[in-house]
């Protein structure tokens, strides 16, 4: 296992014990265990995430620590592309919770399942009952994508120029979390 500091562990031997030991170390090194759920998360995507296809990590790696009805804001003024490879299909289907697709599987089963999975990862958990989609968490893009593009994708929009990143700093006690390099760590409540 490798971290930013270098080699963190090497595991050898029978597969299951080696895997279990690697998982235990990864849970210590790659997961940030939180004491609470957050109402709002500002996920600042680094420049290496220049498409929502990879920048979606800022959502699905923080969602487990977001309260029901909370919001994840993906902040990346430099991000202007949904996906160079899959953008046409993603624009066709938008972003939806898993149940939206499974309830209408005949309509979506011919699409590449990786595209459908990506859609659900970015939108997060939720329900789809009687034709009504209810995401558990609201996803807002503060990117180079326009308000109209965000609406068409079934995501929220916020003008990135309206965001003062420092205003989100050190507000955990208020239920607000700043993730300065989103996508690197998984956030999970200790519960």
C-alpha atoms as a PDB file:
ATOM      1  CA  UNK A   1       0.000   0.000   0.000  1.00  0.00           C
ATOM      2  CA  UNK A   2       1.256   3.449  -0.923  1.00  0.00           C
ATOM      3  CA  UNK A   3       0.448   6.846   0.615  1.00  0.00           C
ATOM      4  CA  UNK A   4       1.730  10.351  -0.194  1.00  0.00           C
ATOM      5  CA  UNK A   5       4.619   9.677   2.158  1.00  0.00           C
ATOM      6  CA  UNK A   6       5.625   6.537   0.247  1.00  0.00           C
ATOM      7  CA  UNK A   7       5.327   2.850   0.986  1.00  0.00           C
ATOM      8  CA  UNK A   8       2.989   2.216   3.927  1.00  0.00           C
ATOM      9  CA  UNK A   9       2.748  -1.558   3.860  1.00  0.00           C
ATOM     10  CA  UNK A  10       3.526  -4.747   1.985  1.00  0.00           C
ATOM     11  CA  UNK A  11       1.360  -7.800   2.577  1.00  0.00           C
ATOM     12  CA  UNK A  12       2.380 -11.318   1.626  1.00  0.00           C
ATOM     13  CA  UNK A  13       1.148 -14.791   2.365  1.00  0.00           C
ATOM     14  CA  UNK A  14      -2.215 -16.434   1.794  1.00  0.00           C
ATOM     15  CA  UNK A  15      -4.611 -14.095  -0.008  1.00  0.00           C
ATOM     16  CA  UNK A  16      -7.323 -13.687   2.628  1.00  0.00           C
ATOM     17  CA  UNK A  17      -5.069 -12.838   5.618  1.00  0.00           C
ATOM     18  CA  UNK A  18      -2.873 -10.554   3.464  1.00  0.00           C
ATOM     19  CA  UNK A  19      -5.951  -8.829   2.042  1.00  0.00           C
ATOM     20  CA  UNK A  20      -7.481  -8.401   5.510  1.00  0.00           C
ATOM     21  CA  UNK A  21      -4.277  -6.838   6.843  1.00  0.00           C
ATOM     22  CA  UNK A  22      -4.118  -4.456   3.861  1.00  0.00           C
ATOM     23  CA  UNK A  23      -7.768  -3.474   4.372  1.00  0.00           C
ATOM     24  CA  UNK A  24      -7.165  -2.759   8.060  1.00  0.00           C
ATOM     25  CA  UNK A  25      -4.217  -0.478   7.265  1.00  0.00           C
ATOM     26  CA  UNK A  26      -6.116   1.196   4.429  1.00  0.00           C
ATOM     27  CA  UNK A  27      -8.995   1.974   6.835  1.00  0.00           C
ATOM     28  CA  UNK A  28      -6.474   3.836   9.005  1.00  0.00           C
ATOM     29  CA  UNK A  29      -4.661   5.632   6.162  1.00  0.00           C
ATOM     30  CA  UNK A  30      -7.282   6.274   3.485  1.00  0.00           C
ATOM     31  CA  UNK A  31     -10.468   6.940   5.452  1.00  0.00           C
ATOM     32  CA  UNK A  32     -11.155  10.042   7.496  1.00  0.00           C
ATOM     33  CA  UNK A  33     -13.480   8.966  10.289  1.00  0.00           C
ATOM     34  CA  UNK A  34     -15.747  11.823  11.334  1.00  0.00           C
ATOM     35  CA  UNK A  35     -17.430  12.425  14.688  1.00  0.00           C
ATOM     36  CA  UNK A  36     -20.554  13.797  13.038  1.00  0.00           C
ATOM     37  CA  UNK A  37     -22.599  14.083   9.875  1.00  0.00           C
ATOM     38  CA  UNK A  38     -22.312  17.347   7.939  1.00  0.00           C
ATOM     39  CA  UNK A  39     -25.092  19.489   6.498  1.00  0.00           C
ATOM     40  CA  UNK A  40     -22.858  21.008   3.833  1.00  0.00           C
ATOM     41  CA  UNK A  41     -19.568  19.952   2.283  1.00  0.00           C
ATOM     42  CA  UNK A  42     -17.442  22.049  -0.041  1.00  0.00           C
ATOM     43  CA  UNK A  43     -15.393  19.574  -2.079  1.00  0.00           C
ATOM     44  CA  UNK A  44     -12.585  21.493  -3.784  1.00  0.00           C
ATOM     45  CA  UNK A  45     -11.509  19.492  -6.807  1.00  0.00           C
ATOM     46  CA  UNK A  46      -7.833  19.801  -7.757  1.00  0.00           C
ATOM     47  CA  UNK A  47      -6.922  20.730 -11.359  1.00  0.00           C
ATOM     48  CA  UNK A  48      -6.124  17.092 -12.177  1.00  0.00           C
ATOM     49  CA  UNK A  49      -9.905  16.529 -12.149  1.00  0.00           C
ATOM     50  CA  UNK A  50     -10.788  18.350 -15.345  1.00  0.00           C
ATOM     51  CA  UNK A  51     -13.929  16.307 -16.068  1.00  0.00           C
ATOM     52  CA  UNK A  52     -16.914  15.472 -13.904  1.00  0.00           C
ATOM     53  CA  UNK A  53     -16.265  11.825 -14.840  1.00  0.00           C
ATOM     54  CA  UNK A  54     -13.322  11.803 -12.387  1.00  0.00           C
ATOM     55  CA  UNK A  55     -14.296  14.854 -10.323  1.00  0.00           C
ATOM     56  CA  UNK A  56     -17.375  12.982  -9.128  1.00  0.00           C
ATOM     57  CA  UNK A  57     -15.046  11.554  -6.463  1.00  0.00           C
ATOM     58  CA  UNK A  58     -15.635  14.796  -4.585  1.00  0.00           C
ATOM     59  CA  UNK A  59     -19.228  13.641  -4.097  1.00  0.00           C
ATOM     60  CA  UNK A  60     -19.122   9.917  -3.574  1.00  0.00           C
ATOM     61  CA  UNK A  61     -16.119   9.988  -1.255  1.00  0.00           C
ATOM     62  CA  UNK A  62     -17.786  12.540   1.052  1.00  0.00           C
ATOM     63  CA  UNK A  63     -21.442  11.463   0.819  1.00  0.00           C
ATOM     64  CA  UNK A  64     -21.233   8.882   3.640  1.00  0.00           C
ATOM     65  CA  UNK A  65     -20.531  11.746   6.095  1.00  0.00           C
ATOM     66  CA  UNK A  66     -23.333  14.033   4.819  1.00  0.00           C
ATOM     67  CA  UNK A  67     -26.632  14.233   6.702  1.00  0.00           C
ATOM     68  CA  UNK A  68     -29.902  13.401   4.978  1.00  0.00           C
ATOM     69  CA  UNK A  69     -31.007  16.485   3.053  1.00  0.00           C
ATOM     70  CA  UNK A  70     -27.484  17.908   3.154  1.00  0.00           C
ATOM     71  CA  UNK A  71     -25.498  19.306   0.261  1.00  0.00           C
ATOM     72  CA  UNK A  72     -22.203  18.536  -1.432  1.00  0.00           C
ATOM     73  CA  UNK A  73     -20.843  21.391  -3.515  1.00  0.00           C
ATOM     74  CA  UNK A  74     -18.280  20.350  -6.101  1.00  0.00           C
ATOM     75  CA  UNK A  75     -16.093  23.437  -6.453  1.00  0.00           C
ATOM     76  CA  UNK A  76     -13.937  23.428  -9.579  1.00  0.00           C
ATOM     77  CA  UNK A  77     -14.059  26.617 -11.668  1.00  0.00           C
ATOM     78  CA  UNK A  78     -11.576  24.955 -14.064  1.00  0.00           C
ATOM     79  CA  UNK A  79     -13.918  22.003 -14.802  1.00  0.00           C
ATOM     80  CA  UNK A  80     -15.741  22.573 -18.093  1.00  0.00           C
ATOM     81  CA  UNK A  81     -16.328  19.044 -19.323  1.00  0.00           C
ATOM     82  CA  UNK A  82     -18.666  16.269 -18.186  1.00  0.00           C
ATOM     83  CA  UNK A  83     -16.633  13.589 -19.977  1.00  0.00           C
ATOM     84  CA  UNK A  84     -14.765  13.690 -23.256  1.00  0.00           C
ATOM     85  CA  UNK A  85     -15.481  10.005 -23.831  1.00  0.00           C
ATOM     86  CA  UNK A  86     -18.912   9.463 -22.246  1.00  0.00           C
ATOM     87  CA  UNK A  87     -20.326  12.994 -22.150  1.00  0.00           C
ATOM     88  CA  UNK A  88     -22.897  12.444 -24.893  1.00  0.00           C
ATOM     89  CA  UNK A  89     -24.454   9.506 -23.036  1.00  0.00           C
ATOM     90  CA  UNK A  90     -24.313  11.213 -19.656  1.00  0.00           C
ATOM     91  CA  UNK A  91     -26.022  14.270 -21.095  1.00  0.00           C
ATOM     92  CA  UNK A  92     -28.647  11.941 -22.566  1.00  0.00           C
ATOM     93  CA  UNK A  93     -29.509  10.263 -19.242  1.00  0.00           C
ATOM     94  CA  UNK A  94     -28.453  12.878 -16.663  1.00  0.00           C
ATOM     95  CA  UNK A  95     -27.528  12.126 -13.068  1.00  0.00           C
ATOM     96  CA  UNK A  96     -29.937  10.031 -11.021  1.00  0.00           C
ATOM     97  CA  UNK A  97     -30.143   7.778  -7.985  1.00  0.00           C
ATOM     98  CA  UNK A  98     -29.818   4.031  -8.534  1.00  0.00           C
ATOM     99  CA  UNK A  99     -33.530   3.351  -8.027  1.00  0.00           C
ATOM    100  CA  UNK A 100     -34.380   5.708 -10.905  1.00  0.00           C
ATOM    101  CA  UNK A 101     -32.565   3.344 -13.268  1.00  0.00           C
ATOM    102  CA  UNK A 102     -33.595   0.037 -11.718  1.00  0.00           C
ATOM    103  CA  UNK A 103     -37.286   1.038 -11.746  1.00  0.00           C
ATOM    104  CA  UNK A 104     -36.977   1.723 -15.492  1.00  0.00           C
ATOM    105  CA  UNK A 105     -34.360  -0.863 -16.405  1.00  0.00           C
ATOM    106  CA  UNK A 106     -35.954  -1.704 -19.764  1.00  0.00           C
ATOM    107  CA  UNK A 107     -35.317   1.902 -20.786  1.00  0.00           C
ATOM    108  CA  UNK A 108     -31.649   1.992 -19.685  1.00  0.00           C
ATOM    109  CA  UNK A 109     -30.243  -1.549 -19.861  1.00  0.00           C
ATOM    110  CA  UNK A 110     -28.797  -1.066 -23.362  1.00  0.00           C
ATOM    111  CA  UNK A 111     -26.498   1.746 -22.140  1.00  0.00           C
ATOM    112  CA  UNK A 112     -22.947   1.020 -20.978  1.00  0.00           C
ATOM    113  CA  UNK A 113     -23.377   0.053 -17.331  1.00  0.00           C
ATOM    114  CA  UNK A 114     -20.264   2.031 -16.362  1.00  0.00           C
ATOM    115  CA  UNK A 115     -22.031   5.202 -17.536  1.00  0.00           C
ATOM    116  CA  UNK A 116     -25.137   4.334 -15.520  1.00  0.00           C
ATOM    117  CA  UNK A 117     -22.955   3.549 -12.484  1.00  0.00           C
ATOM    118  CA  UNK A 118     -21.132   6.883 -12.844  1.00  0.00           C
ATOM    119  CA  UNK A 119     -24.472   8.690 -12.916  1.00  0.00           C
ATOM    120  CA  UNK A 120     -25.544   7.071  -9.644  1.00  0.00           C
ATOM    121  CA  UNK A 121     -22.177   7.682  -7.972  1.00  0.00           C
ATOM    122  CA  UNK A 122     -22.352  11.407  -8.624  1.00  0.00           C
ATOM    123  CA  UNK A 123     -26.044  11.737  -7.690  1.00  0.00           C
ATOM    124  CA  UNK A 124     -25.683   9.519  -4.622  1.00  0.00           C
ATOM    125  CA  UNK A 125     -28.160   7.441  -2.685  1.00  0.00           C
ATOM    126  CA  UNK A 126     -31.866   8.034  -2.742  1.00  0.00           C
ATOM    127  CA  UNK A 127     -35.225   6.657  -3.794  1.00  0.00           C
ATOM    128  CA  UNK A 128     -37.467   6.639  -6.840  1.00  0.00           C
ATOM    129  CA  UNK A 129     -41.087   5.825  -6.084  1.00  0.00           C
ATOM    130  CA  UNK A 130     -44.244   6.564  -8.058  1.00  0.00           C
ATOM    131  CA  UNK A 131     -42.222   8.537 -10.603  1.00  0.00           C
ATOM    132  CA  UNK A 132     -40.636  10.801  -7.963  1.00  0.00           C
ATOM    133  CA  UNK A 133     -36.880  10.842  -7.427  1.00  0.00           C
ATOM    134  CA  UNK A 134     -35.653  11.809  -3.947  1.00  0.00           C
ATOM    135  CA  UNK A 135     -31.882  11.989  -3.585  1.00  0.00           C
ATOM    136  CA  UNK A 136     -30.570  11.648  -0.034  1.00  0.00           C
ATOM    137  CA  UNK A 137     -28.078  14.473  -0.599  1.00  0.00           C
ATOM    138  CA  UNK A 138     -28.229  17.479  -2.931  1.00  0.00           C
ATOM    139  CA  UNK A 139     -25.344  17.829  -5.374  1.00  0.00           C
ATOM    140  CA  UNK A 140     -24.429  21.321  -6.533  1.00  0.00           C
ATOM    141  CA  UNK A 141     -21.830  22.118  -9.172  1.00  0.00           C
ATOM    142  CA  UNK A 142     -19.769  25.287  -8.816  1.00  0.00           C
ATOM    143  CA  UNK A 143     -17.766  24.649 -11.967  1.00  0.00           C
ATOM    144  CA  UNK A 144     -17.271  25.984 -15.459  1.00  0.00           C
ATOM    145  CA  UNK A 145     -20.529  24.291 -16.495  1.00  0.00           C
ATOM    146  CA  UNK A 146     -23.440  26.697 -16.930  1.00  0.00           C
ATOM    147  CA  UNK A 147     -26.614  26.772 -14.861  1.00  0.00           C
ATOM    148  CA  UNK A 148     -28.538  25.433 -17.878  1.00  0.00           C
ATOM    149  CA  UNK A 149     -26.096  22.534 -18.295  1.00  0.00           C
ATOM    150  CA  UNK A 150     -26.384  21.658 -14.600  1.00  0.00           C
ATOM    151  CA  UNK A 151     -30.196  21.698 -14.761  1.00  0.00           C
ATOM    152  CA  UNK A 152     -30.121  19.485 -17.871  1.00  0.00           C
ATOM    153  CA  UNK A 153     -27.861  17.056 -16.005  1.00  0.00           C
ATOM    154  CA  UNK A 154     -30.261  17.012 -13.009  1.00  0.00           C
ATOM    155  CA  UNK A 155     -27.709  18.670 -10.701  1.00  0.00           C
ATOM    156  CA  UNK A 156     -27.759  21.943  -8.800  1.00  0.00           C
ATOM    157  CA  UNK A 157     -25.791  25.012  -9.871  1.00  0.00           C
ATOM    158  CA  UNK A 158     -23.901  27.671  -7.992  1.00  0.00           C
ATOM    159  CA  UNK A 159     -21.742  30.372  -9.564  1.00  0.00           C
ATOM    160  CA  UNK A 160     -18.170  29.486  -8.566  1.00  0.00           C
ATOM    161  CA  UNK A 161     -17.366  33.212  -8.285  1.00  0.00           C
ATOM    162  CA  UNK A 162     -19.859  33.387  -5.403  1.00  0.00           C
ATOM    163  CA  UNK A 163     -17.844  30.963  -3.291  1.00  0.00           C
ATOM    164  CA  UNK A 164     -15.223  32.101  -0.806  1.00  0.00           C
ATOM    165  CA  UNK A 165     -13.428  28.849  -0.009  1.00  0.00           C
ATOM    166  CA  UNK A 166     -11.997  30.296   3.220  1.00  0.00           C
ATOM    167  CA  UNK A 167     -15.538  30.969   4.464  1.00  0.00           C
ATOM    168  CA  UNK A 168     -16.025  27.164   4.686  1.00  0.00           C
ATOM    169  CA  UNK A 169     -12.859  26.619   6.736  1.00  0.00           C
ATOM    170  CA  UNK A 170     -13.018  25.507  10.411  1.00  0.00           C
ATOM    171  CA  UNK A 171     -16.814  25.301  10.577  1.00  0.00           C
ATOM    172  CA  UNK A 172     -17.158  21.625  11.434  1.00  0.00           C
ATOM    173  CA  UNK A 173     -18.984  22.437  14.679  1.00  0.00           C
ATOM    174  CA  UNK A 174     -21.645  24.196  12.562  1.00  0.00           C
ATOM    175  CA  UNK A 175     -22.046  21.154  10.311  1.00  0.00           C
ATOM    176  CA  UNK A 176     -19.976  22.592   7.442  1.00  0.00           C
ATOM    177  CA  UNK A 177     -16.936  20.724   6.110  1.00  0.00           C
ATOM    178  CA  UNK A 178     -14.246  21.956   3.730  1.00  0.00           C
ATOM    179  CA  UNK A 179     -12.410  19.231   1.815  1.00  0.00           C
ATOM    180  CA  UNK A 180      -9.478  21.111   0.226  1.00  0.00           C
ATOM    181  CA  UNK A 181      -8.243  18.260  -2.026  1.00  0.00           C
ATOM    182  CA  UNK A 182     -11.421  16.304  -2.644  1.00  0.00           C
ATOM    183  CA  UNK A 183     -11.228  12.797  -4.011  1.00  0.00           C
ATOM    184  CA  UNK A 184      -8.182  11.635  -2.065  1.00  0.00           C
ATOM    185  CA  UNK A 185      -9.859  10.258   1.039  1.00  0.00           C
ATOM    186  CA  UNK A 186     -13.116   8.565   1.876  1.00  0.00           C
ATOM    187  CA  UNK A 187     -15.105  10.280   4.648  1.00  0.00           C
ATOM    188  CA  UNK A 188     -17.176   8.082   6.944  1.00  0.00           C
ATOM    189  CA  UNK A 189     -18.915   8.698  10.268  1.00  0.00           C
ATOM    190  CA  UNK A 190     -17.569   6.713  13.232  1.00  0.00           C
ATOM    191  CA  UNK A 191     -21.096   5.761  14.382  1.00  0.00           C
END
